């Protein structure tokens, strides 16, 4: 380093202060509740399945409802996890797609054979 030229500390910016975000708490409670409901519905579907195999005709309907409910709960939990990752900053929103000018009716179609063939 040359004399008289000193760096004045590190160049990193100040970090924002961590704060309590109730949105994350609500999302985390939603994920927990949907996972618990999913586990219960899977257990109930197994129980209804064994009852249905033993000859109980109405257990087939309960098995169907419990299985569909378990699928919905698991899907909801995965959606909430994706939402948490966006709020925390692990993922970002999808990039916006600009409309293609060739899709407009105003723009002429490209020449056949590419741009060099039109010369």
Protein backbone atom coordinates (compact mmCIF):
# COMPACT_ATOMS: atom_id res chain seq x y z
CA UNK A 1 0.00 0.00 0.00
CA UNK A 2 1.20 3.44 -0.76
CA UNK A 3 1.75 5.80 2.13
CA UNK A 4 -1.25 7.94 2.91
CA UNK A 5 -3.76 5.63 1.20
CA UNK A 6 -5.56 3.56 3.75
CA UNK A 7 -8.81 1.76 3.48
CA UNK A 8 -11.31 2.97 5.99
CA UNK A 9 -12.71 -0.32 7.23
CA UNK A 10 -14.52 -3.04 5.41
CA UNK A 11 -16.61 -2.37 2.34
CA UNK A 12 -19.61 -4.47 3.28
CA UNK A 13 -22.82 -2.56 3.83
CA UNK A 14 -24.64 -2.53 7.12
CA UNK A 15 -26.93 -5.46 7.65
CA UNK A 16 -30.59 -4.79 8.26
CA UNK A 17 -31.74 -5.43 11.80
CA UNK A 18 -33.65 -8.65 12.21
CA UNK A 19 -37.21 -8.14 13.23
CA UNK A 20 -40.19 -10.28 14.09
CA UNK A 21 -42.39 -10.95 11.08
CA UNK A 22 -45.84 -12.29 11.93
CA UNK A 23 -46.33 -13.47 8.33
CA UNK A 24 -43.60 -16.08 8.83
CA UNK A 25 -45.21 -17.27 12.06
CA UNK A 26 -48.59 -17.69 10.37
CA UNK A 27 -47.04 -19.53 7.42
CA UNK A 28 -45.03 -21.80 9.74
CA UNK A 29 -48.14 -22.62 11.76
CA UNK A 30 -49.99 -23.37 8.53
CA UNK A 31 -47.25 -25.74 7.39
CA UNK A 32 -47.25 -27.48 10.76
CA UNK A 33 -51.03 -27.83 10.85
CA UNK A 34 -51.20 -29.17 7.30
CA UNK A 35 -48.45 -31.72 7.99
CA UNK A 36 -50.22 -32.88 11.15
CA UNK A 37 -53.52 -33.16 9.25
CA UNK A 38 -51.75 -35.01 6.44
CA UNK A 39 -50.31 -37.53 8.92
CA UNK A 40 -53.67 -38.08 10.57
CA UNK A 41 -55.43 -38.52 7.22
CA UNK A 42 -52.82 -41.03 6.03
CA UNK A 43 -53.26 -42.98 9.26
CA UNK A 44 -57.06 -42.84 8.85
CA UNK A 45 -56.81 -43.97 5.22
CA UNK A 46 -54.74 -46.97 6.27
CA UNK A 47 -57.28 -47.83 8.95
CA UNK A 48 -60.22 -47.42 6.57
CA UNK A 49 -58.38 -49.53 4.01
CA UNK A 50 -58.01 -52.41 6.41
CA UNK A 51 -61.68 -52.11 7.38
CA UNK A 52 -62.68 -52.07 3.71
CA UNK A 53 -60.66 -55.18 2.98
CA UNK A 54 -62.47 -56.95 5.83
CA UNK A 55 -65.82 -56.36 4.13
CA UNK A 56 -67.06 -52.96 5.31
CA UNK A 57 -68.53 -51.36 2.17
CA UNK A 58 -68.80 -47.79 3.52
CA UNK A 59 -65.12 -47.80 4.50
CA UNK A 60 -64.20 -47.55 0.81
CA UNK A 61 -65.82 -44.10 0.64
CA UNK A 62 -64.10 -42.97 3.82
CA UNK A 63 -60.82 -44.29 2.42
CA UNK A 64 -61.33 -42.23 -0.73
CA UNK A 65 -62.15 -39.06 1.22
CA UNK A 66 -59.20 -39.53 3.58
CA UNK A 67 -56.79 -40.15 0.69
CA UNK A 68 -57.96 -37.07 -1.21
CA UNK A 69 -57.76 -34.99 1.98
CA UNK A 70 -54.21 -36.19 2.56
CA UNK A 71 -53.23 -35.18 -0.97
CA UNK A 72 -54.73 -31.72 -0.48
CA UNK A 73 -52.99 -31.25 2.88
CA UNK A 74 -49.60 -32.26 1.48
CA UNK A 75 -50.05 -29.95 -1.52
CA UNK A 76 -51.02 -27.09 0.79
CA UNK A 77 -47.94 -27.69 2.94
CA UNK A 78 -45.66 -27.60 -0.11
CA UNK A 79 -47.28 -24.39 -1.37
CA UNK A 80 -46.82 -22.78 2.05
CA UNK A 81 -43.17 -23.87 2.14
CA UNK A 82 -42.64 -22.23 -1.25
CA UNK A 83 -44.30 -19.10 0.09
CA UNK A 84 -42.00 -19.08 3.13
CA UNK A 85 -38.96 -19.39 0.88
CA UNK A 86 -40.13 -16.35 -1.08
CA UNK A 87 -40.77 -14.28 2.07
CA UNK A 88 -37.37 -15.19 3.52
CA UNK A 89 -35.66 -14.40 0.23
CA UNK A 90 -34.42 -17.82 -0.84
CA UNK A 91 -36.38 -17.59 -4.08
CA UNK A 92 -37.65 -14.68 -6.12
CA UNK A 93 -40.70 -14.01 -8.20
CA UNK A 94 -40.72 -15.42 -11.72
CA UNK A 95 -39.22 -13.10 -14.33
CA UNK A 96 -41.74 -11.06 -16.24
CA UNK A 97 -41.91 -12.00 -19.86
CA UNK A 98 -42.02 -9.17 -22.36
CA UNK A 99 -44.49 -9.75 -25.17
CA UNK A 100 -42.93 -11.00 -28.39
CA UNK A 101 -43.30 -8.32 -31.10
CA UNK A 102 -43.84 -11.01 -33.72
CA UNK A 103 -47.05 -12.04 -31.95
CA UNK A 104 -48.60 -8.63 -32.65
CA UNK A 105 -50.61 -8.32 -35.83
CA UNK A 106 -48.75 -5.10 -36.70
CA UNK A 107 -45.25 -6.50 -37.15
CA UNK A 108 -44.43 -8.10 -40.49
CA UNK A 109 -43.49 -11.78 -40.39
CA UNK A 110 -39.78 -12.59 -40.54
CA UNK A 111 -38.40 -13.39 -44.01
CA UNK A 112 -38.15 -17.09 -44.87
CA UNK A 113 -34.69 -18.51 -44.44
CA UNK A 114 -33.58 -16.13 -41.68
CA UNK A 115 -32.29 -12.58 -41.74
CA UNK A 116 -29.26 -13.27 -43.94
CA UNK A 117 -31.37 -14.85 -46.70
CA UNK A 118 -33.24 -11.57 -47.23
CA UNK A 119 -30.12 -9.72 -48.50
